[in-house]
Amino acid sequence: MTTARRAVAIHAVETYVVLAIYFATSLVIARVLTPSQIGVFAVAMVVVSIARTVRDFGIFSYLIKEEHLTPEKIRAASAVSFTISWLLALLIFIASFPVAAFYQDPRLLRLLWIMALTFVLIPFGSVVFALLRRDFRVTAIFVSRIVGVCCWAVTAITLALAGFGEVSLAWSVVVDQLVVAAAAAFVRPRGMPFWPSFRNTRKLVGFSVQSIASDIARDFGTTAPDAVLGKVQDMAAVALFSRAMGLVDLVARLIADTVWSVTLPYFARIKREGGNVGAALSRTQVYITGMAWPFFAVLAFSAEPVILTLYGSQWGGSVVVAKILCAFGALTCTTSFATTAMIAADRMAQAMRVTLSVNAVRIAITIASAPFGLIPLSAAMIVAGLSEFLLVMSASRTTLAVDLLGLAKDYARSAFLSALSALPAVAFVLAGAMEKMSLVGLLVLATASIACWAIALFVVRHPLCSELRAVVLRGS
């Protein structure tokens, strides 16, 4: 547990530094590029994100969860990674022509050609960083990631200010991946086999087919709003929805991403040591809701000053969308790590089935509601989030023997904790001060909300208290 806590702590610093850089860069980009330019890049990213899901081919998860990892299995993973990635680079180039024709936007051609270059670079670091993650070598990952993101930010801002438009965002992604690939040569684990080999790939491929099906479904579900809005509305609508969802995702990433990269190796280690993966999943989910739900509660009241102050008045159309999507974010964060726990427990088939079901519902709801506008689509996402919650909770009970009654009691504490944390935001609204709030006011609100959250943790006796106490005692 100590190793996991240290990994979480280092990754938390990494996450917050990376998000701070992303956030600061997005503030500049939002003022330099137009919604149309950002929207067309978002559509290009839909195509690329789906290809990235296939590119992973389940290799990352396989290397981490595999109980007996041999040099032959590592060689096989490397061979598959190079083959899949380079093939996808070619397919993205070919697909750029029909994609640009479908959206009737020639800018997509150049964007996709540039983004295809990232797939040439990805396999030089993917296996290396999977092995580092398996062994909890988080310091090497931390340094590599920070350097890459800094280079991404400098490239994006410099090219945008120089007038390169949406292309500046594409080239920045290429630079980021180039830095990560170069860093892999320096942090490569000692004794790691160098040359790929196609021997012993049968087990990897068997696991990967199920993993790919899950990942593709998840990516389709995540990117469906951007893809559908780009066709039935316009690129500006894509940008407005993406901005609102990005803000909600930022809250989730501040919390969930802190522990996401640690959960699979953590659950896998518990499985190898004969522990209870279901109980570990319940603990993790309660910790997440204890941190994420209060953020969503405060954001739901303060979305207007947050968006207008940070991004500018041209993004006013995202305000109501962001408020509605806070409920969607609160629902989905309750199931963040369920399929990860199933994979670690060697229940990949069950994880695939629940992922396919959840995202089929989300895609259907998106297609049905997007033609009616951003607000109906946002409201429909709450229905999708509720469906996901019910489906995943049921699967967790049958697959991992999760105690739903005990989990519900802890979730009730998280809900009460959220209500107390949102009291400062409610006070600002009742006083009529929320709409006029400036950056200084937002900082005051954030400070007051965090103080209320810290006090409420002990008032409601949330399970996070014992974890925080353990961290403090170890630090002292």
Protein backbone atom coordinates (compact mmCIF):
# COMPACT_ATOMS: atom_id res chain seq x y z
CA MET A 1 0.00 0.00 0.00
CA THR A 2 2.94 2.32 0.74
CA THR A 3 4.26 1.89 -2.81
CA ALA A 4 0.83 2.66 -4.21
CA ARG A 5 0.50 5.78 -2.02
CA ARG A 6 3.91 7.04 -3.17
CA ALA A 7 2.96 6.39 -6.80
CA VAL A 8 -0.33 8.24 -6.33
CA ALA A 9 1.45 11.17 -4.69
CA ILE A 10 4.01 11.53 -7.51
CA HIS A 11 1.38 11.04 -10.18
CA ALA A 12 -0.82 13.62 -8.44
CA VAL A 13 1.94 16.19 -8.81
CA GLU A 14 2.40 15.14 -12.44
CA THR A 15 -1.33 15.42 -13.13
CA TYR A 16 -1.69 18.84 -11.57
CA VAL A 17 1.40 20.24 -13.30
CA VAL A 18 0.27 18.83 -16.66
CA LEU A 19 -3.27 20.14 -16.20
CA ALA A 20 -1.96 23.54 -15.15
CA ILE A 21 0.10 23.70 -18.36
CA TYR A 22 -2.84 22.50 -20.46
CA PHE A 23 -5.17 24.94 -18.75
CA ALA A 24 -2.85 27.93 -19.17
CA THR A 25 -2.23 27.01 -22.79
CA SER A 26 -5.96 26.64 -23.47
CA LEU A 27 -6.55 30.15 -22.15
CA VAL A 28 -4.12 31.54 -24.70
CA ILE A 29 -5.37 29.33 -27.54
CA ALA A 30 -9.02 30.24 -26.80
CA ARG A 31 -8.16 33.90 -27.39
CA VAL A 32 -5.94 33.41 -30.44
CA LEU A 33 -7.89 30.79 -32.42
CA THR A 34 -11.56 31.06 -33.40
CA PRO A 35 -14.24 28.54 -32.30
CA SER A 36 -14.32 27.26 -35.89
CA GLN A 37 -10.57 26.54 -35.87
CA ILE A 38 -10.75 24.79 -32.51
CA GLY A 39 -13.88 22.93 -33.62
CA VAL A 40 -12.29 21.49 -36.76
CA PHE A 41 -9.29 20.32 -34.71
CA ALA A 42 -11.73 18.64 -32.28
CA VAL A 43 -13.28 16.74 -35.19
CA ALA A 44 -9.82 15.65 -36.39
CA MET A 45 -9.07 14.45 -32.88
CA VAL A 46 -12.18 12.26 -33.01
CA VAL A 47 -10.66 10.32 -35.91
CA VAL A 48 -7.24 10.17 -34.29
CA SER A 49 -8.53 9.16 -30.85
CA ILE A 50 -10.33 6.17 -32.34
CA ALA A 51 -7.13 5.17 -34.12
CA ARG A 52 -5.15 5.59 -30.90
CA THR A 53 -7.48 3.16 -29.18
CA VAL A 54 -6.77 0.53 -31.81
CA ARG A 55 -3.06 1.37 -31.71
CA ASP A 56 -2.81 0.45 -28.02
CA PHE A 57 -4.21 -3.00 -28.91
CA GLY A 58 -4.55 -3.74 -25.21
CA ILE A 59 -0.75 -3.97 -24.96
CA PHE A 60 -0.48 -1.50 -22.08
CA SER A 61 -3.00 -3.37 -19.93
CA TYR A 62 -1.59 -6.77 -20.91
CA LEU A 63 1.96 -5.91 -19.85
CA ILE A 64 0.78 -4.54 -16.51
CA LYS A 65 -1.66 -7.27 -15.52
CA GLU A 66 0.28 -10.29 -16.88
CA GLU A 67 1.27 -12.42 -13.90
CA HIS A 68 4.35 -14.07 -15.45
CA LEU A 69 5.96 -11.51 -17.76
CA THR A 70 8.88 -12.96 -19.75
CA PRO A 71 11.29 -11.34 -22.26
CA GLU A 72 9.51 -13.24 -25.04
CA LYS A 73 6.17 -11.66 -24.11
CA ILE A 74 7.78 -8.21 -24.06
CA ARG A 75 9.28 -8.79 -27.53
CA ALA A 76 5.88 -9.89 -28.82
CA ALA A 77 4.22 -6.79 -27.37
CA SER A 78 6.81 -4.56 -29.03
CA ALA A 79 6.35 -6.24 -32.43
CA VAL A 80 2.58 -5.87 -32.28
CA SER A 81 2.88 -2.23 -31.18
CA PHE A 82 5.07 -1.26 -34.15
CA THR A 83 2.91 -3.14 -36.63
CA ILE A 84 -0.41 -1.71 -35.46
CA SER A 85 0.87 1.87 -35.04
CA TRP A 86 2.51 2.16 -38.42
CA LEU A 87 -0.44 0.56 -40.16
CA LEU A 88 -2.75 3.09 -38.50
CA ALA A 89 -0.55 5.97 -39.64
CA LEU A 90 -1.15 4.83 -43.22
CA LEU A 91 -4.88 4.34 -42.65
CA ILE A 92 -5.28 7.84 -41.16
CA PHE A 93 -3.66 9.32 -44.26
CA ILE A 94 -6.01 7.36 -46.51
CA ALA A 95 -9.06 8.16 -44.36
CA SER A 96 -8.33 11.90 -44.42
CA PHE A 97 -9.85 12.20 -47.92
CA PRO A 98 -13.31 10.73 -47.19
CA VAL A 99 -13.41 12.43 -43.76
CA ALA A 100 -12.74 15.86 -45.28
CA ALA A 101 -15.35 15.18 -47.96
CA PHE A 102 -17.93 14.03 -45.40
CA TYR A 103 -17.59 17.21 -43.33
CA GLN A 104 -17.00 19.34 -46.43
CA ASP A 105 -13.99 20.96 -44.77
CA PRO A 106 -10.61 20.71 -46.56
CA ARG A 107 -8.77 21.80 -43.39
CA LEU A 108 -9.21 18.25 -42.09
CA LEU A 109 -6.86 16.92 -44.77
CA ARG A 110 -3.79 18.74 -43.52
CA LEU A 111 -4.67 18.18 -39.86
CA LEU A 112 -4.98 14.41 -40.28
CA TRP A 113 -1.79 14.16 -42.33
CA ILE A 114 0.16 15.82 -39.53
CA MET A 115 -1.53 13.79 -36.79
CA ALA A 116 -0.64 10.57 -38.64
CA LEU A 117 3.02 11.28 -37.84
CA THR A 118 2.37 10.70 -34.13
CA PHE A 119 1.59 7.05 -34.88
CA VAL A 120 5.01 6.59 -36.40
CA LEU A 121 6.57 7.75 -33.11
CA ILE A 122 4.27 6.14 -30.52
CA PRO A 123 5.67 2.55 -30.47
CA PHE A 124 9.17 3.78 -29.59
CA GLY A 125 7.95 4.55 -26.08
CA SER A 126 4.71 2.65 -25.44
CA VAL A 127 6.16 -0.66 -24.21
CA VAL A 128 8.85 1.09 -22.18
CA PHE A 129 6.38 3.19 -20.25
CA ALA A 130 4.02 0.26 -19.70
CA LEU A 131 6.84 -1.64 -17.98
CA LEU A 132 7.74 1.40 -15.90
CA ARG A 133 4.10 1.70 -14.83
CA ARG A 134 3.95 -1.99 -13.89
CA ASP A 135 6.95 -1.60 -11.58
CA PHE A 136 5.70 1.72 -10.12
CA ARG A 137 8.73 3.59 -11.51
CA VAL A 138 6.75 6.79 -11.52
CA THR A 139 9.64 9.27 -11.21
CA ALA A 140 10.98 8.47 -14.69
CA ILE A 141 7.46 8.74 -16.10
CA PHE A 142 6.96 12.05 -14.29
CA VAL A 143 10.05 13.72 -15.78
CA SER A 144 9.36 12.46 -19.31
CA ARG A 145 5.73 13.56 -19.22
CA ILE A 146 6.45 17.06 -17.90
CA VAL A 147 9.14 17.74 -20.50
CA GLY A 148 6.86 16.53 -23.29
CA VAL A 149 3.92 18.68 -22.19
CA CYS A 150 6.12 21.78 -21.85
CA CYS A 151 7.31 21.29 -25.42
CA TRP A 152 3.69 20.80 -26.52
CA ALA A 153 2.63 24.08 -24.90
CA VAL A 154 5.50 26.12 -26.34
CA THR A 155 4.88 24.72 -29.83
CA ALA A 156 1.10 25.29 -29.73
CA ILE A 157 1.32 28.88 -28.48
CA THR A 158 4.23 29.89 -30.70
CA LEU A 159 2.65 28.57 -33.89
CA ALA A 160 -0.81 29.93 -32.99
CA LEU A 161 0.58 33.42 -32.39
CA ALA A 162 2.50 33.14 -35.66
CA GLY A 163 -0.79 32.66 -37.52
CA PHE A 164 -0.70 28.92 -38.28
CA GLY A 165 -4.29 28.49 -37.06
CA GLU A 166 -5.60 25.02 -36.26
CA VAL A 167 -2.42 23.41 -37.65
CA SER A 168 -0.49 24.73 -34.63
CA LEU A 169 -2.44 22.33 -32.40
CA ALA A 170 -1.62 19.36 -34.61
CA TRP A 171 2.11 20.07 -34.76
CA SER A 172 2.23 20.50 -30.98
CA VAL A 173 0.93 16.94 -30.54
CA VAL A 174 3.65 15.64 -32.86
CA VAL A 175 6.34 17.46 -30.87
CA ASP A 176 4.98 16.08 -27.59
CA GLN A 177 5.14 12.51 -28.91
CA LEU A 178 8.63 13.07 -30.34
CA VAL A 179 9.90 14.14 -26.90
CA VAL A 180 8.28 11.13 -25.20
CA ALA A 181 9.81 8.75 -27.75
CA ALA A 182 13.25 10.27 -27.19
CA ALA A 183 12.83 10.08 -23.40
CA ALA A 184 12.06 6.35 -23.63
CA ALA A 185 15.64 5.70 -24.73
CA PHE A 186 16.93 7.19 -21.46
CA VAL A 187 14.48 5.57 -19.02
CA ARG A 188 14.37 2.13 -20.66
CA PRO A 189 14.36 -0.60 -17.94
CA ARG A 190 17.63 -2.45 -17.57
CA GLY A 191 17.53 -5.83 -19.26
CA MET A 192 14.51 -5.03 -21.40
CA PRO A 193 14.84 -6.89 -24.74
CA PHE A 194 15.58 -4.54 -27.62
CA TRP A 195 14.41 -6.34 -30.76
CA PRO A 196 10.72 -7.14 -31.39
CA SER A 197 9.59 -10.67 -32.21
CA PHE A 198 6.30 -12.14 -33.45
CA ARG A 199 6.75 -15.35 -31.46
CA ASN A 200 4.42 -15.94 -28.49
CA THR A 201 1.83 -13.42 -29.65
CA ARG A 202 -1.20 -15.75 -29.38
CA LYS A 203 -2.11 -14.94 -25.76
CA LEU A 204 -1.52 -11.23 -26.31
CA VAL A 205 -3.77 -11.18 -29.37
CA GLY A 206 -6.51 -13.09 -27.55
CA PHE A 207 -6.51 -10.56 -24.73
CA SER A 208 -6.17 -7.63 -27.12
CA VAL A 209 -9.24 -8.45 -29.24
CA GLN A 210 -11.49 -8.03 -26.19
CA SER A 211 -9.56 -4.99 -25.00
CA ILE A 212 -9.84 -3.30 -28.40
CA ALA A 213 -13.58 -3.92 -28.57
CA SER A 214 -13.95 -2.23 -25.17
CA ASP A 215 -11.65 0.68 -26.00
CA ILE A 216 -13.24 1.37 -29.39
CA ALA A 217 -16.70 1.38 -27.82
CA ARG A 218 -15.48 3.74 -25.09
CA ASP A 219 -13.90 6.11 -27.61
CA PHE A 220 -16.99 6.11 -29.82
CA GLY A 221 -19.09 6.91 -26.77
CA THR A 222 -16.78 9.71 -25.66
CA THR A 223 -16.33 11.34 -29.05
CA ALA A 224 -19.89 10.81 -30.33
CA PRO A 225 -21.10 14.33 -29.34
CA ASP A 226 -18.29 16.04 -31.30
CA ALA A 227 -18.71 13.75 -34.32
CA VAL A 228 -22.51 14.06 -34.48
CA LEU A 229 -22.63 17.80 -33.74
CA GLY A 230 -20.07 18.44 -36.48
CA LYS A 231 -22.51 16.92 -38.98
CA VAL A 232 -25.99 17.96 -37.75
CA GLN A 233 -25.00 21.40 -36.37
CA ASP A 234 -21.72 23.19 -37.21
CA MET A 235 -18.10 23.41 -36.05
CA ALA A 236 -18.91 26.25 -33.65
CA ALA A 237 -21.43 24.01 -31.88
CA VAL A 238 -18.74 21.34 -31.60
CA ALA A 239 -16.40 23.86 -30.00
CA LEU A 240 -19.02 25.14 -27.52
CA PHE A 241 -19.98 21.64 -26.38
CA SER A 242 -16.34 20.57 -26.32
CA ARG A 243 -15.43 23.59 -24.19
CA ALA A 244 -18.15 22.75 -21.64
CA MET A 245 -17.28 19.04 -21.59
CA GLY A 246 -13.61 19.94 -21.38
CA LEU A 247 -14.25 22.00 -18.26
CA VAL A 248 -16.20 19.15 -16.66
CA ASP A 249 -13.51 16.68 -17.70
CA LEU A 250 -10.90 19.00 -16.19
CA VAL A 251 -12.56 18.55 -12.81
CA ALA A 252 -12.64 14.78 -13.30
CA ARG A 253 -9.03 14.70 -14.48
CA LEU A 254 -7.87 16.69 -11.46
CA ILE A 255 -9.22 13.84 -9.35
CA ALA A 256 -9.48 10.61 -11.34
CA ASP A 257 -6.32 11.02 -13.43
CA THR A 258 -4.35 11.38 -10.22
CA VAL A 259 -4.89 7.70 -9.47
CA TRP A 260 -5.90 6.28 -12.87
CA SER A 261 -2.45 5.18 -13.98
CA VAL A 262 -1.84 3.57 -10.60
CA THR A 263 -5.10 1.62 -10.32
CA LEU A 264 -4.40 -1.15 -12.86
CA PRO A 265 -0.97 -2.08 -11.42
CA TYR A 266 -2.44 -1.69 -7.90
CA PHE A 267 -5.44 -3.95 -8.58
CA ALA A 268 -3.20 -6.40 -10.49
CA ARG A 269 -0.81 -6.62 -7.55
CA ILE A 270 -3.72 -7.30 -5.18
CA LYS A 271 -4.89 -10.08 -7.50
CA ARG A 272 -1.39 -11.62 -7.68
CA GLU A 273 -1.15 -11.53 -3.88
CA GLY A 274 -4.56 -13.16 -3.44
CA GLY A 275 -6.36 -10.05 -2.14
CA ASN A 276 -9.94 -8.84 -2.62
CA VAL A 277 -10.10 -6.74 -5.78
CA GLY A 278 -13.77 -5.86 -5.24
CA ALA A 279 -13.07 -4.34 -1.83
CA ALA A 280 -10.14 -2.37 -3.26
CA LEU A 281 -12.39 -1.07 -6.04
CA SER A 282 -15.03 0.08 -3.53
CA ARG A 283 -12.42 1.97 -1.51
CA THR A 284 -11.06 3.67 -4.63
CA GLN A 285 -14.49 4.72 -5.89
CA VAL A 286 -15.49 6.17 -2.51
CA TYR A 287 -12.27 8.20 -2.39
CA ILE A 288 -12.96 9.51 -5.90
CA THR A 289 -16.54 10.59 -5.17
CA GLY A 290 -15.39 12.22 -1.95
CA MET A 291 -13.15 14.49 -4.00
CA ALA A 292 -14.98 14.80 -7.34
CA TRP A 293 -18.58 15.34 -6.23
CA PRO A 294 -17.80 18.49 -4.22
CA PHE A 295 -15.96 19.93 -7.26
CA PHE A 296 -18.95 19.25 -9.50
CA ALA A 297 -21.34 20.76 -6.95
CA VAL A 298 -19.36 24.00 -6.78
CA LEU A 299 -18.85 24.15 -10.57
CA ALA A 300 -22.58 23.73 -11.20
CA PHE A 301 -23.18 27.03 -9.36
CA SER A 302 -20.13 28.89 -10.69
CA ALA A 303 -19.86 27.76 -14.34
CA GLU A 304 -20.77 31.21 -15.73
CA PRO A 305 -18.02 33.27 -14.07
CA VAL A 306 -15.53 30.44 -14.55
CA ILE A 307 -16.08 30.23 -18.32
CA LEU A 308 -16.46 33.94 -19.00
CA THR A 309 -13.50 34.95 -16.84
CA LEU A 310 -11.11 32.27 -18.04
CA TYR A 311 -12.08 31.85 -21.70
CA GLY A 312 -13.82 35.07 -22.68
CA SER A 313 -17.31 36.17 -23.70
CA GLN A 314 -17.23 34.30 -27.02
CA TRP A 315 -17.73 31.08 -25.01
CA GLY A 316 -20.92 32.20 -23.26
CA GLY A 317 -22.87 29.53 -25.12
CA SER A 318 -21.02 26.88 -23.10
CA VAL A 319 -22.25 28.07 -19.68
CA VAL A 320 -25.62 26.29 -19.44
CA VAL A 321 -24.14 23.21 -21.13
CA ALA A 322 -21.39 23.00 -18.50
CA LYS A 323 -23.89 23.33 -15.65
CA ILE A 324 -25.95 20.43 -16.97
CA LEU A 325 -22.90 18.28 -17.70
CA CYS A 326 -21.81 18.53 -14.05
CA ALA A 327 -24.53 16.00 -13.22
CA PHE A 328 -23.25 13.75 -16.01
CA GLY A 329 -19.71 14.00 -14.63
CA ALA A 330 -20.87 13.19 -11.10
CA LEU A 331 -22.62 10.04 -12.32
CA THR A 332 -19.79 8.72 -14.48
CA CYS A 333 -17.07 9.25 -11.87
CA THR A 334 -18.84 6.71 -9.62
CA THR A 335 -17.85 3.94 -12.03
CA SER A 336 -14.44 5.23 -13.15
CA PHE A 337 -12.36 2.18 -12.24
CA ALA A 338 -14.81 -0.73 -12.35
CA THR A 339 -13.68 -2.16 -15.70
CA THR A 340 -10.04 -1.59 -14.71
CA ALA A 341 -10.61 -3.78 -11.64
CA MET A 342 -12.29 -6.44 -13.80
CA ILE A 343 -9.28 -6.51 -16.15
CA ALA A 344 -6.88 -6.85 -13.21
CA ALA A 345 -9.01 -9.71 -11.85
CA ASP A 346 -8.75 -11.55 -15.21
CA ARG A 347 -12.39 -10.85 -16.05
CA MET A 348 -11.73 -9.20 -19.39
CA ALA A 349 -14.82 -10.69 -21.05
CA GLN A 350 -17.10 -9.17 -18.41
CA ALA A 351 -15.33 -5.83 -18.69
CA MET A 352 -15.82 -5.88 -22.46
CA ARG A 353 -19.54 -6.66 -22.21
CA VAL A 354 -20.31 -3.89 -19.75
CA THR A 355 -18.26 -1.36 -21.73
CA LEU A 356 -20.04 -2.25 -24.98
CA SER A 357 -23.44 -1.94 -23.29
CA VAL A 358 -22.69 1.39 -21.63
CA ASN A 359 -21.36 3.06 -24.75
CA ALA A 360 -24.04 1.66 -27.05
CA VAL A 361 -26.59 3.43 -24.86
CA ARG A 362 -24.53 6.64 -24.84
CA ILE A 363 -24.12 6.70 -28.62
CA ALA A 364 -27.82 6.04 -29.21
CA ILE A 365 -28.79 8.85 -26.84
CA THR A 366 -26.32 11.22 -28.50
CA ILE A 367 -27.61 10.52 -32.02
CA ALA A 368 -31.22 10.95 -30.90
CA SER A 369 -30.71 14.24 -29.05
CA ALA A 370 -27.93 16.13 -30.91
CA PRO A 371 -30.14 17.39 -33.79
CA PHE A 372 -32.26 19.32 -31.25
CA GLY A 373 -29.35 21.47 -30.00
CA LEU A 374 -26.74 21.70 -27.27
CA ILE A 375 -29.11 21.92 -24.29
CA PRO A 376 -31.19 18.82 -25.17
CA LEU A 377 -27.97 16.92 -25.88
CA SER A 378 -26.52 17.95 -22.51
CA ALA A 379 -29.68 16.90 -20.67
CA ALA A 380 -29.70 13.59 -22.52
CA MET A 381 -26.14 12.93 -21.32
CA ILE A 382 -27.50 12.77 -17.76
CA VAL A 383 -29.74 9.89 -18.85
CA ALA A 384 -26.68 8.22 -20.38
CA GLY A 385 -24.75 8.71 -17.14
CA LEU A 386 -27.54 7.17 -15.07
CA SER A 387 -27.71 4.18 -17.40
CA GLU A 388 -23.96 3.72 -17.08
CA PHE A 389 -24.18 3.86 -13.28
CA LEU A 390 -26.86 1.15 -13.13
CA LEU A 391 -25.18 -1.15 -15.65
CA VAL A 392 -21.71 -0.94 -14.10
CA MET A 393 -22.93 -1.32 -10.53
CA SER A 394 -24.82 -4.48 -11.46
CA ALA A 395 -21.77 -5.92 -13.24
CA SER A 396 -19.48 -5.04 -10.32
CA ARG A 397 -21.72 -6.94 -7.91
CA THR A 398 -21.84 -10.11 -10.01
CA THR A 399 -18.22 -10.04 -11.24
CA LEU A 400 -16.26 -8.71 -8.26
CA ALA A 401 -18.73 -9.32 -5.40
CA VAL A 402 -18.84 -5.60 -4.59
CA ASP A 403 -20.98 -4.85 -1.51
CA LEU A 404 -23.48 -2.41 -3.05
CA LEU A 405 -25.23 -1.64 0.24
CA GLY A 406 -21.98 -0.67 1.93
CA LEU A 407 -20.93 1.31 -1.13
CA ALA A 408 -24.28 3.15 -1.15
CA LYS A 409 -23.76 4.22 2.48
CA ASP A 410 -20.34 5.64 1.64
CA TYR A 411 -21.76 7.37 -1.45
CA ALA A 412 -24.35 8.98 0.82
CA ARG A 413 -21.48 10.44 2.87
CA SER A 414 -19.94 11.76 -0.35
CA ALA A 415 -23.26 13.39 -1.28
CA PHE A 416 -23.54 15.07 2.13
CA LEU A 417 -19.92 16.15 1.86
CA SER A 418 -20.68 17.74 -1.53
CA ALA A 419 -23.66 19.66 -0.15
CA LEU A 420 -21.58 21.14 2.67
CA SER A 421 -18.72 21.99 0.31
CA ALA A 422 -21.08 23.91 -1.98
CA LEU A 423 -22.37 26.21 0.80
CA PRO A 424 -20.05 29.12 -0.16
CA ALA A 425 -21.21 28.90 -3.79
CA VAL A 426 -24.84 28.90 -2.70
CA ALA A 427 -24.18 31.96 -0.52
CA PHE A 428 -22.66 33.84 -3.50
CA VAL A 429 -25.69 32.96 -5.64
CA LEU A 430 -28.20 34.08 -3.00
CA ALA A 431 -26.27 37.33 -2.54
CA GLY A 432 -26.44 37.99 -6.29
CA ALA A 433 -22.64 38.14 -6.50
CA MET A 434 -21.96 35.07 -8.67
CA GLU A 435 -22.68 36.67 -12.07
CA LYS A 436 -20.40 39.65 -11.35
CA MET A 437 -17.57 37.55 -9.99
CA SER A 438 -14.02 38.24 -11.23
CA LEU A 439 -10.89 36.13 -11.02
CA VAL A 440 -10.26 37.33 -7.46
CA GLY A 441 -13.80 36.34 -6.49
CA LEU A 442 -13.30 32.89 -7.99
CA LEU A 443 -10.14 32.42 -5.93
CA VAL A 444 -12.06 33.43 -2.80
CA LEU A 445 -14.82 30.97 -3.69
CA ALA A 446 -12.32 28.17 -4.30
CA THR A 447 -10.57 28.81 -0.99
CA ALA A 448 -13.84 28.89 0.96
CA SER A 449 -15.10 25.73 -0.76
CA ILE A 450 -11.91 23.82 0.01
CA ALA A 451 -12.07 24.91 3.64
CA CYS A 452 -15.69 23.72 3.91
CA TRP A 453 -14.72 20.44 2.25
CA ALA A 454 -11.87 19.83 4.70
CA ILE A 455 -14.10 20.49 7.71
CA ALA A 456 -16.98 18.45 6.29
CA LEU A 457 -14.71 15.42 5.78
CA PHE A 458 -14.53 14.98 9.53
CA VAL A 459 -18.13 16.04 10.17
CA VAL A 460 -19.53 13.26 7.95
CA ARG A 461 -16.72 10.81 8.88
CA HIS A 462 -15.91 10.16 5.25
CA PRO A 463 -13.56 7.20 4.49
CA LEU A 464 -11.10 9.70 3.00
CA CYS A 465 -10.28 10.79 6.56
CA SER A 466 -8.45 7.57 7.40
CA GLU A 467 -6.50 7.70 4.14
CA LEU A 468 -5.45 11.31 4.68
CA ARG A 469 -4.51 10.50 8.26
CA ALA A 470 -2.29 7.63 7.07
CA VAL A 471 -0.55 9.94 4.58
CA VAL A 472 0.04 12.61 7.25
CA LEU A 473 1.35 10.13 9.80
CA ARG A 474 3.70 8.59 7.26
CA GLY A 475 4.93 12.05 6.24
CA SER A 476 5.63 12.99 9.84
